[in-house]
């Protein structure tokens, strides 16, 4: 993963290094622990885009601001709708308090923000507001799986070790989120060789993704 990030600047013309093995392994994309949860929450026809991401916390980094990755689907409503975007995180090293395990606030996906909060980048939450609700850090061994509603408050914590903390981040959507004309979404292309060796379940997950001959 670190080699990929070091060379990411050279990923041009859709030839992204994470569109190759081992990152295209079905055990990551169609993780057998995550999939039943995702499909129970968002239906059988969920989908995802490529390349997926990686969250990195380097030694010496500070505390991230508390935020959501996405807001309510219709924020003007006085209640939260069922989940429509979920991120699956897979830590590539053991996550501990010492290396900055992600802090999360369970249940905050149901909070409807007022306009002042909705219009801030990433729906930033203040420390004072977050202090009124319980939170915990996601301590877990490498290879664990976290399934998180993207409306949930969270933040990266300080990495006080000498080791970089990597975590894969795969975002999945309900069917109605498909935006075929959105800029930059479909530029990365999967090689035909990789595509033909994917499982049928993985091809279905990335059915809107371009692949080349």
N, C-alpha and C. Protein backbone atom coordinates (compact mmCIF):
# COMPACT_ATOMS: atom_id res chain seq x y z
N UNK A 1 0.83 -1.20 0.00
CA UNK A 1 0.00 0.00 0.00
C UNK A 1 0.86 1.25 0.00
N UNK A 2 1.94 1.23 0.77
CA UNK A 2 2.80 2.41 0.82
C UNK A 2 3.48 2.64 -0.53
N UNK A 3 3.85 1.57 -1.20
CA UNK A 3 4.45 1.70 -2.53
C UNK A 3 3.47 2.34 -3.50
N UNK A 4 2.22 1.94 -3.42
CA UNK A 4 1.18 2.53 -4.28
C UNK A 4 1.05 4.02 -4.02
N UNK A 5 1.00 4.40 -2.75
CA UNK A 5 0.85 5.81 -2.41
C UNK A 5 2.06 6.62 -2.83
N UNK A 6 3.26 6.04 -2.71
CA UNK A 6 4.47 6.73 -3.12
C UNK A 6 4.49 6.99 -4.62
N UNK A 7 3.85 6.08 -5.39
CA UNK A 7 3.88 6.18 -6.84
C UNK A 7 2.58 6.73 -7.42
N UNK A 8 1.66 7.16 -6.58
CA UNK A 8 0.33 7.55 -7.05
C UNK A 8 0.38 8.72 -8.02
N UNK A 9 1.36 9.60 -7.86
CA UNK A 9 1.46 10.74 -8.76
C UNK A 9 1.69 10.31 -10.20
N UNK A 10 2.22 9.11 -10.38
CA UNK A 10 2.48 8.63 -11.73
C UNK A 10 1.32 7.87 -12.34
N UNK A 11 0.21 7.77 -11.61
CA UNK A 11 -0.95 7.05 -12.13
C UNK A 11 -1.70 7.95 -13.11
N UNK A 12 -1.51 7.73 -14.40
CA UNK A 12 -2.12 8.57 -15.42
C UNK A 12 -2.90 7.71 -16.42
N UNK A 13 -3.77 8.38 -17.17
CA UNK A 13 -4.54 7.72 -18.24
C UNK A 13 -5.35 6.54 -17.71
N UNK A 14 -5.80 6.63 -16.46
CA UNK A 14 -6.63 5.57 -15.91
C UNK A 14 -5.86 4.36 -15.43
N UNK A 15 -4.54 4.33 -15.57
CA UNK A 15 -3.77 3.17 -15.16
C UNK A 15 -3.40 3.28 -13.68
N UNK A 16 -4.39 3.23 -12.86
CA UNK A 16 -4.18 3.39 -11.43
C UNK A 16 -3.68 2.08 -10.83
N UNK A 17 -2.66 2.13 -9.96
CA UNK A 17 -2.10 0.88 -9.42
C UNK A 17 -3.08 0.08 -8.59
N UNK A 18 -4.11 0.72 -8.04
CA UNK A 18 -5.07 -0.04 -7.25
C UNK A 18 -6.13 -0.73 -8.11
N UNK A 19 -6.01 -0.60 -9.44
CA UNK A 19 -6.89 -1.35 -10.33
C UNK A 19 -6.24 -2.66 -10.76
N UNK A 20 -5.25 -3.08 -10.01
CA UNK A 20 -4.56 -4.34 -10.27
C UNK A 20 -4.59 -5.18 -8.99
N UNK A 21 -4.15 -6.42 -9.12
CA UNK A 21 -4.03 -7.25 -7.93
C UNK A 21 -2.87 -6.75 -7.09
N UNK A 22 -2.91 -6.91 -5.77
CA UNK A 22 -3.93 -7.64 -5.00
C UNK A 22 -5.16 -6.82 -4.63
N UNK A 23 -5.23 -5.56 -5.07
CA UNK A 23 -6.31 -4.67 -4.62
C UNK A 23 -7.66 -5.00 -5.23
N UNK A 24 -7.65 -5.76 -6.34
CA UNK A 24 -8.91 -6.14 -6.97
C UNK A 24 -9.40 -7.51 -6.50
N UNK A 25 -8.85 -8.00 -5.43
CA UNK A 25 -9.24 -9.30 -4.88
C UNK A 25 -10.68 -9.24 -4.39
N UNK A 26 -11.46 -10.24 -4.74
CA UNK A 26 -12.87 -10.29 -4.35
C UNK A 26 -13.05 -10.32 -2.84
N UNK A 27 -12.03 -10.83 -2.11
CA UNK A 27 -12.15 -10.89 -0.65
C UNK A 27 -12.12 -9.49 -0.04
N UNK A 28 -11.63 -8.51 -0.81
CA UNK A 28 -11.69 -7.12 -0.37
C UNK A 28 -13.01 -6.49 -0.85
N UNK A 29 -13.26 -6.58 -2.15
CA UNK A 29 -14.39 -5.88 -2.77
C UNK A 29 -15.73 -6.47 -2.36
N UNK A 30 -15.81 -7.78 -2.33
CA UNK A 30 -17.03 -8.47 -1.92
C UNK A 30 -16.78 -9.18 -0.59
N UNK A 31 -16.30 -8.44 0.35
CA UNK A 31 -15.92 -9.02 1.63
C UNK A 31 -17.08 -9.83 2.22
N UNK A 32 -16.85 -11.10 2.55
CA UNK A 32 -17.95 -11.97 2.99
C UNK A 32 -18.56 -11.57 4.32
N UNK A 33 -17.85 -10.79 5.12
CA UNK A 33 -18.43 -10.32 6.37
C UNK A 33 -19.27 -9.05 6.15
N UNK A 34 -18.80 -8.20 5.23
CA UNK A 34 -19.48 -6.93 5.01
C UNK A 34 -20.71 -7.06 4.12
N UNK A 35 -20.64 -7.90 3.09
CA UNK A 35 -21.70 -7.94 2.09
C UNK A 35 -23.10 -8.22 2.64
N UNK A 36 -23.27 -9.19 3.54
CA UNK A 36 -24.63 -9.41 4.06
C UNK A 36 -25.20 -8.18 4.77
N UNK A 37 -24.32 -7.42 5.45
CA UNK A 37 -24.78 -6.22 6.14
C UNK A 37 -25.17 -5.15 5.13
N UNK A 38 -24.31 -4.95 4.12
CA UNK A 38 -24.57 -3.93 3.11
C UNK A 38 -25.88 -4.20 2.37
N UNK A 39 -26.08 -5.45 1.98
CA UNK A 39 -27.27 -5.77 1.19
C UNK A 39 -28.53 -5.77 2.04
N UNK A 40 -28.41 -6.12 3.30
CA UNK A 40 -29.57 -6.03 4.19
C UNK A 40 -29.97 -4.57 4.40
N UNK A 41 -28.97 -3.68 4.42
CA UNK A 41 -29.24 -2.26 4.68
C UNK A 41 -29.66 -1.50 3.44
N UNK A 42 -29.10 -1.87 2.25
CA UNK A 42 -29.31 -1.05 1.06
C UNK A 42 -29.82 -1.83 -0.16
N UNK A 43 -30.16 -3.09 0.01
CA UNK A 43 -30.71 -3.85 -1.10
C UNK A 43 -29.66 -4.61 -1.89
N UNK A 44 -30.11 -5.50 -2.75
CA UNK A 44 -29.21 -6.37 -3.51
C UNK A 44 -28.45 -5.64 -4.61
N UNK A 45 -28.97 -4.53 -5.11
CA UNK A 45 -28.38 -3.88 -6.29
C UNK A 45 -27.42 -2.75 -5.93
N UNK A 46 -26.72 -2.88 -4.83
CA UNK A 46 -25.73 -1.87 -4.48
C UNK A 46 -24.60 -1.87 -5.50
N UNK A 47 -23.82 -0.78 -5.53
CA UNK A 47 -22.70 -0.71 -6.47
C UNK A 47 -21.60 0.15 -5.86
N UNK A 48 -20.44 0.18 -6.54
CA UNK A 48 -19.30 0.96 -6.06
C UNK A 48 -18.53 1.49 -7.25
N UNK A 49 -17.61 2.43 -7.01
CA UNK A 49 -16.75 2.98 -8.04
C UNK A 49 -15.30 2.58 -7.78
N UNK A 50 -14.49 2.63 -8.82
CA UNK A 50 -13.05 2.35 -8.71
C UNK A 50 -12.25 3.58 -9.11
N UNK A 51 -11.03 3.76 -8.65
CA UNK A 51 -10.42 2.94 -7.59
C UNK A 51 -10.97 3.32 -6.24
N UNK A 52 -10.99 2.37 -5.32
CA UNK A 52 -11.39 2.72 -3.96
C UNK A 52 -10.22 3.39 -3.25
N UNK A 53 -10.41 3.79 -2.01
CA UNK A 53 -9.41 4.63 -1.37
C UNK A 53 -8.65 3.98 -0.23
N UNK A 54 -7.76 4.77 0.34
CA UNK A 54 -6.99 4.35 1.50
C UNK A 54 -6.84 5.55 2.42
N UNK A 55 -7.17 5.38 3.69
CA UNK A 55 -6.98 6.43 4.70
C UNK A 55 -5.68 6.17 5.43
N UNK A 56 -4.83 7.18 5.47
CA UNK A 56 -3.49 7.02 6.05
C UNK A 56 -3.26 8.04 7.15
N UNK A 57 -2.71 7.58 8.26
CA UNK A 57 -2.30 8.47 9.34
C UNK A 57 -0.81 8.26 9.57
N UNK A 58 -0.04 9.30 9.37
CA UNK A 58 1.42 9.19 9.48
C UNK A 58 1.86 9.52 10.91
N UNK A 59 3.03 9.03 11.31
CA UNK A 59 3.54 9.35 12.64
C UNK A 59 3.63 10.86 12.86
N UNK A 60 3.19 11.28 14.03
CA UNK A 60 3.27 12.70 14.37
C UNK A 60 2.07 13.52 13.96
N UNK A 61 1.11 12.94 13.26
CA UNK A 61 -0.05 13.73 12.83
C UNK A 61 -0.94 14.05 14.03
N UNK A 62 -1.73 15.10 13.91
CA UNK A 62 -2.58 15.53 15.00
C UNK A 62 -3.97 14.95 14.94
N UNK A 63 -4.86 15.53 15.74
CA UNK A 63 -6.25 15.08 15.80
C UNK A 63 -7.05 15.72 14.68
N UNK A 64 -7.77 14.91 13.92
CA UNK A 64 -8.61 15.41 12.84
C UNK A 64 -9.88 16.04 13.41
N UNK A 65 -10.49 16.95 12.65
CA UNK A 65 -11.77 17.52 13.07
C UNK A 65 -12.86 16.45 13.01
N UNK A 66 -13.84 16.58 13.86
CA UNK A 66 -14.98 15.64 13.87
C UNK A 66 -15.90 15.99 12.71
N UNK A 67 -16.28 14.99 11.93
CA UNK A 67 -17.04 15.28 10.72
C UNK A 67 -17.84 14.06 10.26
N UNK A 68 -18.72 14.29 9.30
CA UNK A 68 -19.39 13.22 8.55
C UNK A 68 -18.73 13.14 7.17
N UNK A 69 -18.83 11.98 6.53
CA UNK A 69 -18.38 11.87 5.14
C UNK A 69 -19.50 12.22 4.17
N UNK A 70 -20.74 12.16 4.63
CA UNK A 70 -21.87 12.60 3.81
C UNK A 70 -22.99 13.02 4.75
N UNK A 71 -23.84 13.92 4.27
CA UNK A 71 -24.95 14.39 5.08
C UNK A 71 -26.21 13.60 4.82
N UNK A 72 -27.31 14.09 5.35
CA UNK A 72 -28.60 13.45 5.11
C UNK A 72 -28.98 13.61 3.64
N UNK A 73 -29.66 12.61 3.10
CA UNK A 73 -30.02 12.62 1.69
C UNK A 73 -30.91 13.83 1.35
N UNK A 74 -31.88 14.10 2.19
CA UNK A 74 -32.72 15.29 2.05
C UNK A 74 -32.62 16.07 3.36
N UNK A 75 -31.61 16.93 3.51
CA UNK A 75 -31.31 17.56 4.80
C UNK A 75 -32.39 18.51 5.29
N UNK A 76 -33.29 18.92 4.41
CA UNK A 76 -34.36 19.82 4.85
C UNK A 76 -35.45 19.09 5.62
N UNK A 77 -35.47 17.76 5.56
CA UNK A 77 -36.47 16.99 6.31
C UNK A 77 -36.09 16.96 7.79
N UNK A 78 -37.08 16.89 8.68
CA UNK A 78 -36.79 16.89 10.12
C UNK A 78 -36.43 15.52 10.67
N UNK A 79 -36.20 14.54 9.80
CA UNK A 79 -35.86 13.19 10.25
C UNK A 79 -34.85 12.58 9.28
N UNK A 80 -34.17 11.55 9.73
CA UNK A 80 -33.16 10.87 8.91
C UNK A 80 -33.80 9.73 8.12
N UNK A 81 -33.43 9.64 6.85
CA UNK A 81 -33.90 8.54 6.00
C UNK A 81 -32.97 7.33 6.15
N UNK A 82 -33.40 6.16 5.66
CA UNK A 82 -32.53 4.98 5.72
C UNK A 82 -31.21 5.23 5.00
N UNK A 83 -30.21 4.47 5.36
CA UNK A 83 -28.86 4.64 4.84
C UNK A 83 -28.82 4.45 3.32
N UNK A 84 -28.02 5.29 2.64
CA UNK A 84 -27.86 5.15 1.19
C UNK A 84 -26.40 5.12 0.76
N UNK A 85 -25.46 5.41 1.67
CA UNK A 85 -24.03 5.25 1.38
C UNK A 85 -23.35 4.68 2.61
N UNK A 86 -22.53 3.66 2.39
CA UNK A 86 -21.81 2.99 3.47
C UNK A 86 -20.35 2.84 3.07
N UNK A 87 -19.44 3.06 4.01
CA UNK A 87 -18.03 2.80 3.76
C UNK A 87 -17.61 1.55 4.53
N UNK A 88 -16.84 0.71 3.87
CA UNK A 88 -16.24 -0.46 4.50
C UNK A 88 -14.75 -0.18 4.68
N UNK A 89 -14.29 -0.19 5.91
CA UNK A 89 -12.88 0.03 6.21
C UNK A 89 -12.22 -1.27 6.61
N UNK A 90 -11.01 -1.51 6.07
CA UNK A 90 -10.22 -2.69 6.41
C UNK A 90 -8.83 -2.22 6.82
N UNK A 91 -8.48 -2.31 8.10
CA UNK A 91 -7.16 -1.87 8.54
C UNK A 91 -6.07 -2.81 8.04
N UNK A 92 -4.97 -2.24 7.57
CA UNK A 92 -3.85 -3.04 7.08
C UNK A 92 -2.78 -3.26 8.14
N UNK A 93 -2.94 -2.58 9.27
CA UNK A 93 -2.11 -2.81 10.45
C UNK A 93 -3.04 -2.86 11.65
N UNK A 94 -2.56 -3.36 12.78
CA UNK A 94 -3.38 -3.32 13.99
C UNK A 94 -3.70 -1.87 14.33
N UNK A 95 -4.96 -1.60 14.64
CA UNK A 95 -5.38 -0.26 15.05
C UNK A 95 -5.40 -0.21 16.57
N UNK A 96 -4.66 0.75 17.11
CA UNK A 96 -4.55 0.92 18.55
C UNK A 96 -4.76 2.39 18.90
N UNK A 97 -4.93 2.67 20.17
CA UNK A 97 -5.01 4.06 20.61
C UNK A 97 -3.71 4.77 20.28
N UNK A 98 -2.59 4.06 20.40
CA UNK A 98 -1.28 4.66 20.17
C UNK A 98 -1.07 5.10 18.73
N UNK A 99 -1.58 4.34 17.75
CA UNK A 99 -1.34 4.72 16.35
C UNK A 99 -2.53 5.45 15.71
N UNK A 100 -3.47 5.88 16.53
CA UNK A 100 -4.52 6.76 16.02
C UNK A 100 -5.76 6.06 15.51
N UNK A 101 -6.19 4.99 16.17
CA UNK A 101 -7.42 4.31 15.76
C UNK A 101 -8.57 5.32 15.65
N UNK A 102 -9.36 5.19 14.61
CA UNK A 102 -10.46 6.12 14.33
C UNK A 102 -11.44 6.20 15.50
N UNK A 103 -11.82 7.40 15.85
CA UNK A 103 -12.85 7.60 16.88
C UNK A 103 -14.19 7.78 16.18
N UNK A 104 -15.23 7.13 16.70
CA UNK A 104 -16.57 7.20 16.10
C UNK A 104 -17.60 7.50 17.17
N UNK A 105 -18.72 8.09 16.74
CA UNK A 105 -19.84 8.42 17.62
C UNK A 105 -21.06 7.61 17.15
N UNK A 106 -21.31 6.44 17.73
CA UNK A 106 -22.43 5.60 17.29
C UNK A 106 -23.77 6.33 17.40
N UNK A 107 -24.60 6.14 16.40
CA UNK A 107 -25.94 6.72 16.42
C UNK A 107 -26.05 8.10 15.82
N UNK A 108 -24.91 8.74 15.54
CA UNK A 108 -24.96 10.11 15.03
C UNK A 108 -25.43 10.20 13.59
N UNK A 109 -25.53 9.06 12.91
CA UNK A 109 -26.07 9.08 11.54
C UNK A 109 -27.54 9.48 11.53
N UNK A 110 -28.19 9.43 12.67
CA UNK A 110 -29.61 9.78 12.76
C UNK A 110 -29.83 11.24 13.12
N UNK A 111 -28.75 11.97 13.40
CA UNK A 111 -28.89 13.38 13.76
C UNK A 111 -29.12 14.22 12.51
N UNK A 112 -30.10 15.09 12.55
CA UNK A 112 -30.37 16.02 11.46
C UNK A 112 -29.76 17.37 11.83
N UNK A 113 -28.78 17.81 11.05
CA UNK A 113 -28.08 19.06 11.34
C UNK A 113 -28.89 20.27 10.91
N UNK A 114 -28.66 21.39 11.58
CA UNK A 114 -29.28 22.62 11.13
C UNK A 114 -28.50 23.18 9.94
N UNK A 115 -29.01 24.22 9.31
CA UNK A 115 -28.42 24.74 8.07
C UNK A 115 -26.98 25.19 8.28
N UNK A 116 -26.67 25.76 9.45
CA UNK A 116 -25.31 26.26 9.70
C UNK A 116 -24.29 25.13 9.64
N UNK A 117 -24.65 23.96 10.17
CA UNK A 117 -23.74 22.82 10.15
C UNK A 117 -23.72 22.18 8.77
N UNK A 118 -24.90 22.06 8.15
CA UNK A 118 -24.99 21.41 6.83
C UNK A 118 -24.11 22.11 5.80
N UNK A 119 -23.92 23.40 5.93
CA UNK A 119 -23.19 24.17 4.93
C UNK A 119 -21.71 24.30 5.22
N UNK A 120 -21.23 23.61 6.25
CA UNK A 120 -19.79 23.58 6.50
C UNK A 120 -19.17 22.40 5.76
N UNK A 121 -17.90 22.45 5.42
CA UNK A 121 -17.27 21.32 4.74
C UNK A 121 -17.36 20.05 5.59
N UNK A 122 -17.83 18.98 4.99
CA UNK A 122 -17.94 17.68 5.67
C UNK A 122 -18.82 17.73 6.93
N UNK A 123 -19.70 18.72 7.02
CA UNK A 123 -20.64 18.76 8.14
C UNK A 123 -19.88 18.68 9.47
N UNK A 124 -18.94 19.57 9.65
CA UNK A 124 -18.05 19.53 10.80
C UNK A 124 -18.83 19.70 12.10
N UNK A 125 -18.48 18.89 13.08
CA UNK A 125 -19.10 18.96 14.40
C UNK A 125 -18.12 19.56 15.39
N UNK A 126 -18.62 20.38 16.32
CA UNK A 126 -17.75 20.99 17.32
C UNK A 126 -17.40 19.99 18.42
N UNK A 127 -16.26 20.23 19.08
CA UNK A 127 -15.85 19.39 20.20
C UNK A 127 -16.90 19.44 21.31
N UNK A 128 -17.47 20.62 21.54
CA UNK A 128 -18.45 20.78 22.60
C UNK A 128 -19.70 19.93 22.34
N UNK A 129 -20.16 19.94 21.11
CA UNK A 129 -21.34 19.15 20.78
C UNK A 129 -21.04 17.66 20.88
N UNK A 130 -19.89 17.25 20.36
CA UNK A 130 -19.53 15.83 20.39
C UNK A 130 -19.35 15.32 21.81
N UNK A 131 -18.93 16.19 22.72
CA UNK A 131 -18.68 15.78 24.10
C UNK A 131 -19.96 15.38 24.82
N UNK A 132 -21.11 15.72 24.26
CA UNK A 132 -22.39 15.38 24.90
C UNK A 132 -22.84 13.97 24.56
N UNK A 133 -22.14 13.31 23.65
CA UNK A 133 -22.52 11.97 23.20
C UNK A 133 -21.35 11.00 23.38
N UNK A 134 -21.63 9.71 23.61
CA UNK A 134 -20.55 8.74 23.81
C UNK A 134 -19.82 8.43 22.51
N UNK A 135 -18.52 8.16 22.63
CA UNK A 135 -17.71 7.78 21.47
C UNK A 135 -16.71 6.72 21.92
N UNK A 136 -16.06 6.06 20.95
CA UNK A 136 -14.98 5.14 21.28
C UNK A 136 -14.06 5.03 20.07
N UNK A 137 -12.85 4.56 20.30
CA UNK A 137 -11.89 4.36 19.21
C UNK A 137 -11.95 2.91 18.72
N UNK A 138 -11.79 2.75 17.40
CA UNK A 138 -11.91 1.44 16.77
C UNK A 138 -10.61 0.66 16.89
N UNK A 139 -10.34 0.14 18.06
CA UNK A 139 -9.17 -0.71 18.25
C UNK A 139 -9.48 -2.09 17.68
N UNK A 140 -8.61 -2.60 16.81
CA UNK A 140 -8.90 -3.86 16.12
C UNK A 140 -7.63 -4.37 15.44
N UNK A 141 -7.55 -5.68 15.22
CA UNK A 141 -6.38 -6.23 14.53
C UNK A 141 -6.46 -6.01 13.03
N UNK A 142 -5.31 -6.04 12.39
CA UNK A 142 -5.25 -5.92 10.92
C UNK A 142 -6.15 -6.96 10.28
N UNK A 143 -6.83 -6.55 9.19
CA UNK A 143 -7.73 -7.47 8.49
C UNK A 143 -9.14 -7.47 9.02
N UNK A 144 -9.41 -6.69 10.06
CA UNK A 144 -10.79 -6.57 10.57
C UNK A 144 -11.64 -5.81 9.54
N UNK A 145 -12.94 -5.79 9.75
CA UNK A 145 -13.85 -5.11 8.84
C UNK A 145 -14.77 -4.18 9.63
N UNK A 146 -14.83 -2.92 9.21
CA UNK A 146 -15.74 -1.95 9.82
C UNK A 146 -16.76 -1.54 8.76
N UNK A 147 -18.02 -1.61 9.07
CA UNK A 147 -19.09 -1.18 8.17
C UNK A 147 -19.73 0.05 8.81
N UNK A 148 -19.58 1.21 8.15
CA UNK A 148 -20.01 2.46 8.79
C UNK A 148 -20.91 3.28 7.87
N UNK A 149 -22.06 3.68 8.39
CA UNK A 149 -22.91 4.65 7.72
C UNK A 149 -22.09 5.93 7.56
N UNK A 150 -22.03 6.48 6.35
CA UNK A 150 -21.16 7.62 6.10
C UNK A 150 -21.66 8.91 6.73
N UNK A 151 -22.83 8.88 7.34
CA UNK A 151 -23.33 10.05 8.06
C UNK A 151 -22.85 10.07 9.52
N UNK A 152 -22.17 9.03 9.93
CA UNK A 152 -21.73 8.91 11.33
C UNK A 152 -20.54 9.83 11.60
N UNK A 153 -20.57 10.58 12.71
CA UNK A 153 -19.44 11.40 13.10
C UNK A 153 -18.23 10.53 13.37
N UNK A 154 -17.06 11.00 12.97
CA UNK A 154 -15.82 10.25 13.22
C UNK A 154 -14.63 11.19 13.03
N UNK A 155 -13.46 10.72 13.42
CA UNK A 155 -12.23 11.46 13.16
C UNK A 155 -11.02 10.55 13.35
N UNK A 156 -9.94 10.87 12.65
CA UNK A 156 -8.67 10.21 12.87
C UNK A 156 -8.01 10.81 14.11
N UNK A 157 -7.31 9.97 14.85
CA UNK A 157 -6.66 10.41 16.07
C UNK A 157 -5.14 10.44 15.89
N UNK A 158 -4.41 11.09 16.80
CA UNK A 158 -2.95 11.22 16.64
C UNK A 158 -2.23 9.87 16.59
N UNK A 159 -1.27 9.79 15.70
CA UNK A 159 -0.43 8.59 15.59
C UNK A 159 0.86 8.86 16.36
N UNK A 160 0.98 8.24 17.52
CA UNK A 160 2.14 8.46 18.38
C UNK A 160 3.19 7.36 18.24
N UNK A 161 3.08 6.55 17.18
CA UNK A 161 4.07 5.51 16.92
C UNK A 161 4.99 5.95 15.79
N UNK A 162 5.89 5.07 15.38
CA UNK A 162 6.78 5.35 14.26
C UNK A 162 6.34 4.61 13.00
N UNK A 163 5.12 4.07 13.01
CA UNK A 163 4.61 3.27 11.89
C UNK A 163 3.42 3.97 11.25
N UNK A 164 3.40 4.00 9.92
CA UNK A 164 2.26 4.58 9.20
C UNK A 164 1.04 3.68 9.36
N UNK A 165 -0.10 4.28 9.58
CA UNK A 165 -1.34 3.55 9.79
C UNK A 165 -2.19 3.63 8.53
N UNK A 166 -2.33 2.51 7.82
CA UNK A 166 -3.11 2.45 6.58
C UNK A 166 -4.44 1.73 6.82
N UNK A 167 -5.48 2.18 6.11
CA UNK A 167 -6.79 1.54 6.17
C UNK A 167 -7.48 1.67 4.82
N UNK A 168 -7.87 0.56 4.22
CA UNK A 168 -8.61 0.60 2.96
C UNK A 168 -10.00 1.18 3.22
N UNK A 169 -10.54 1.88 2.22
CA UNK A 169 -11.85 2.51 2.35
C UNK A 169 -12.64 2.30 1.07
N UNK A 170 -13.66 1.45 1.13
CA UNK A 170 -14.49 1.13 -0.03
C UNK A 170 -15.90 1.65 0.21
N UNK A 171 -16.38 2.51 -0.67
CA UNK A 171 -17.70 3.13 -0.50
C UNK A 171 -18.71 2.42 -1.40
N UNK A 172 -19.88 2.11 -0.84
CA UNK A 172 -20.95 1.43 -1.56
C UNK A 172 -22.21 2.28 -1.51
N UNK A 173 -22.99 2.18 -2.61
CA UNK A 173 -24.15 3.06 -2.79
C UNK A 173 -25.42 2.26 -3.06
N UNK A 174 -26.54 2.85 -2.65
CA UNK A 174 -27.83 2.35 -3.14
C UNK A 174 -27.91 2.63 -4.64
N UNK A 175 -28.71 1.88 -5.33
CA UNK A 175 -28.81 1.97 -6.78
C UNK A 175 -29.12 3.38 -7.27
N UNK A 176 -29.95 4.14 -6.59
CA UNK A 176 -30.39 5.43 -7.14
C UNK A 176 -29.29 6.49 -7.13
N UNK A 177 -28.14 6.20 -6.56
CA UNK A 177 -27.05 7.17 -6.53
C UNK A 177 -26.25 7.22 -7.84
N UNK A 178 -26.50 6.33 -8.75
CA UNK A 178 -25.67 6.26 -9.96
C UNK A 178 -25.72 7.56 -10.76
N UNK A 179 -24.54 8.12 -11.04
CA UNK A 179 -24.43 9.39 -11.77
C UNK A 179 -23.53 9.20 -12.99
N UNK A 180 -24.05 8.68 -14.08
CA UNK A 180 -23.19 8.34 -15.21
C UNK A 180 -22.50 9.53 -15.86
N UNK A 181 -23.02 10.74 -15.66
CA UNK A 181 -22.41 11.90 -16.30
C UNK A 181 -21.56 12.73 -15.34
N UNK A 182 -21.39 12.25 -14.11
CA UNK A 182 -20.59 13.01 -13.16
C UNK A 182 -19.13 13.05 -13.61
N UNK A 183 -18.48 14.22 -13.56
CA UNK A 183 -17.11 14.32 -14.05
C UNK A 183 -16.14 13.50 -13.21
N UNK A 184 -15.17 12.89 -13.87
CA UNK A 184 -14.05 12.19 -13.25
C UNK A 184 -14.39 10.84 -12.61
N UNK A 185 -15.67 10.49 -12.53
CA UNK A 185 -16.01 9.24 -11.85
C UNK A 185 -15.59 8.02 -12.66
N UNK A 186 -15.76 8.08 -13.98
CA UNK A 186 -15.54 6.88 -14.79
C UNK A 186 -14.25 6.89 -15.58
N UNK A 187 -13.35 7.83 -15.32
CA UNK A 187 -12.10 7.86 -16.07
C UNK A 187 -11.19 6.66 -15.79
N UNK A 188 -11.02 6.23 -14.54
CA UNK A 188 -10.17 5.06 -14.31
C UNK A 188 -10.74 3.82 -14.98
N UNK A 189 -9.92 3.11 -15.72
CA UNK A 189 -10.38 1.94 -16.48
C UNK A 189 -9.67 0.69 -15.99
N UNK A 190 -10.42 -0.38 -15.92
CA UNK A 190 -9.88 -1.68 -15.51
C UNK A 190 -9.43 -2.42 -16.76
N UNK A 191 -8.24 -3.01 -16.72
CA UNK A 191 -7.74 -3.73 -17.89
C UNK A 191 -8.62 -4.95 -18.17
N UNK A 192 -8.69 -5.33 -19.42
CA UNK A 192 -9.50 -6.48 -19.80
C UNK A 192 -9.03 -7.75 -19.10
N UNK A 193 -7.72 -7.89 -18.94
CA UNK A 193 -7.18 -9.08 -18.27
C UNK A 193 -7.67 -9.18 -16.83
N UNK A 194 -7.60 -8.05 -16.12
CA UNK A 194 -8.09 -8.05 -14.74
C UNK A 194 -9.59 -8.27 -14.71
N UNK A 195 -10.31 -7.57 -15.60
CA UNK A 195 -11.77 -7.66 -15.62
C UNK A 195 -12.24 -9.10 -15.83
N UNK A 196 -11.63 -9.79 -16.79
CA UNK A 196 -12.07 -11.14 -17.11
C UNK A 196 -11.79 -12.14 -16.00
N UNK A 197 -10.86 -11.80 -15.11
CA UNK A 197 -10.53 -12.71 -14.02
C UNK A 197 -11.27 -12.38 -12.73
N UNK A 198 -12.12 -11.36 -12.77
CA UNK A 198 -12.92 -11.03 -11.60
C UNK A 198 -14.09 -12.00 -11.47
N UNK A 199 -14.55 -12.19 -10.25
CA UNK A 199 -15.74 -13.01 -10.05
C UNK A 199 -16.96 -12.29 -10.61
N UNK A 200 -18.02 -13.05 -10.87
CA UNK A 200 -19.25 -12.44 -11.38
C UNK A 200 -19.83 -11.46 -10.36
N UNK A 201 -19.66 -11.76 -9.07
CA UNK A 201 -20.16 -10.86 -8.04
C UNK A 201 -19.42 -9.53 -8.07
N UNK A 202 -18.09 -9.58 -8.30
CA UNK A 202 -17.30 -8.36 -8.35
C UNK A 202 -17.64 -7.55 -9.61
N UNK A 203 -17.82 -8.21 -10.73
CA UNK A 203 -18.22 -7.51 -11.95
C UNK A 203 -19.57 -6.82 -11.74
N UNK A 204 -20.47 -7.45 -11.04
CA UNK A 204 -21.77 -6.84 -10.78
C UNK A 204 -21.61 -5.62 -9.90
N UNK A 205 -20.69 -5.67 -8.92
CA UNK A 205 -20.48 -4.54 -8.03
C UNK A 205 -19.98 -3.32 -8.80
N UNK A 206 -19.12 -3.56 -9.80
CA UNK A 206 -18.53 -2.47 -10.58
C UNK A 206 -19.10 -2.42 -12.00
N UNK A 207 -20.37 -2.71 -12.12
CA UNK A 207 -21.00 -2.81 -13.44
C UNK A 207 -21.06 -1.49 -14.18
N UNK A 208 -20.91 -0.36 -13.49
CA UNK A 208 -20.92 0.92 -14.16
C UNK A 208 -19.51 1.41 -14.51
N UNK A 209 -18.50 0.62 -14.16
CA UNK A 209 -17.12 1.01 -14.38
C UNK A 209 -16.68 0.65 -15.80
N UNK A 210 -15.89 1.53 -16.41
CA UNK A 210 -15.38 1.24 -17.76
C UNK A 210 -14.24 0.22 -17.66
N UNK A 211 -14.16 -0.64 -18.66
CA UNK A 211 -12.98 -1.48 -18.80
C UNK A 211 -12.58 -1.50 -20.26
N UNK A 212 -11.32 -1.78 -20.52
CA UNK A 212 -10.76 -1.62 -21.86
C UNK A 212 -10.39 -2.97 -22.45
N UNK A 213 -10.38 -3.02 -23.76
CA UNK A 213 -9.95 -4.23 -24.47
C UNK A 213 -8.43 -4.26 -24.57
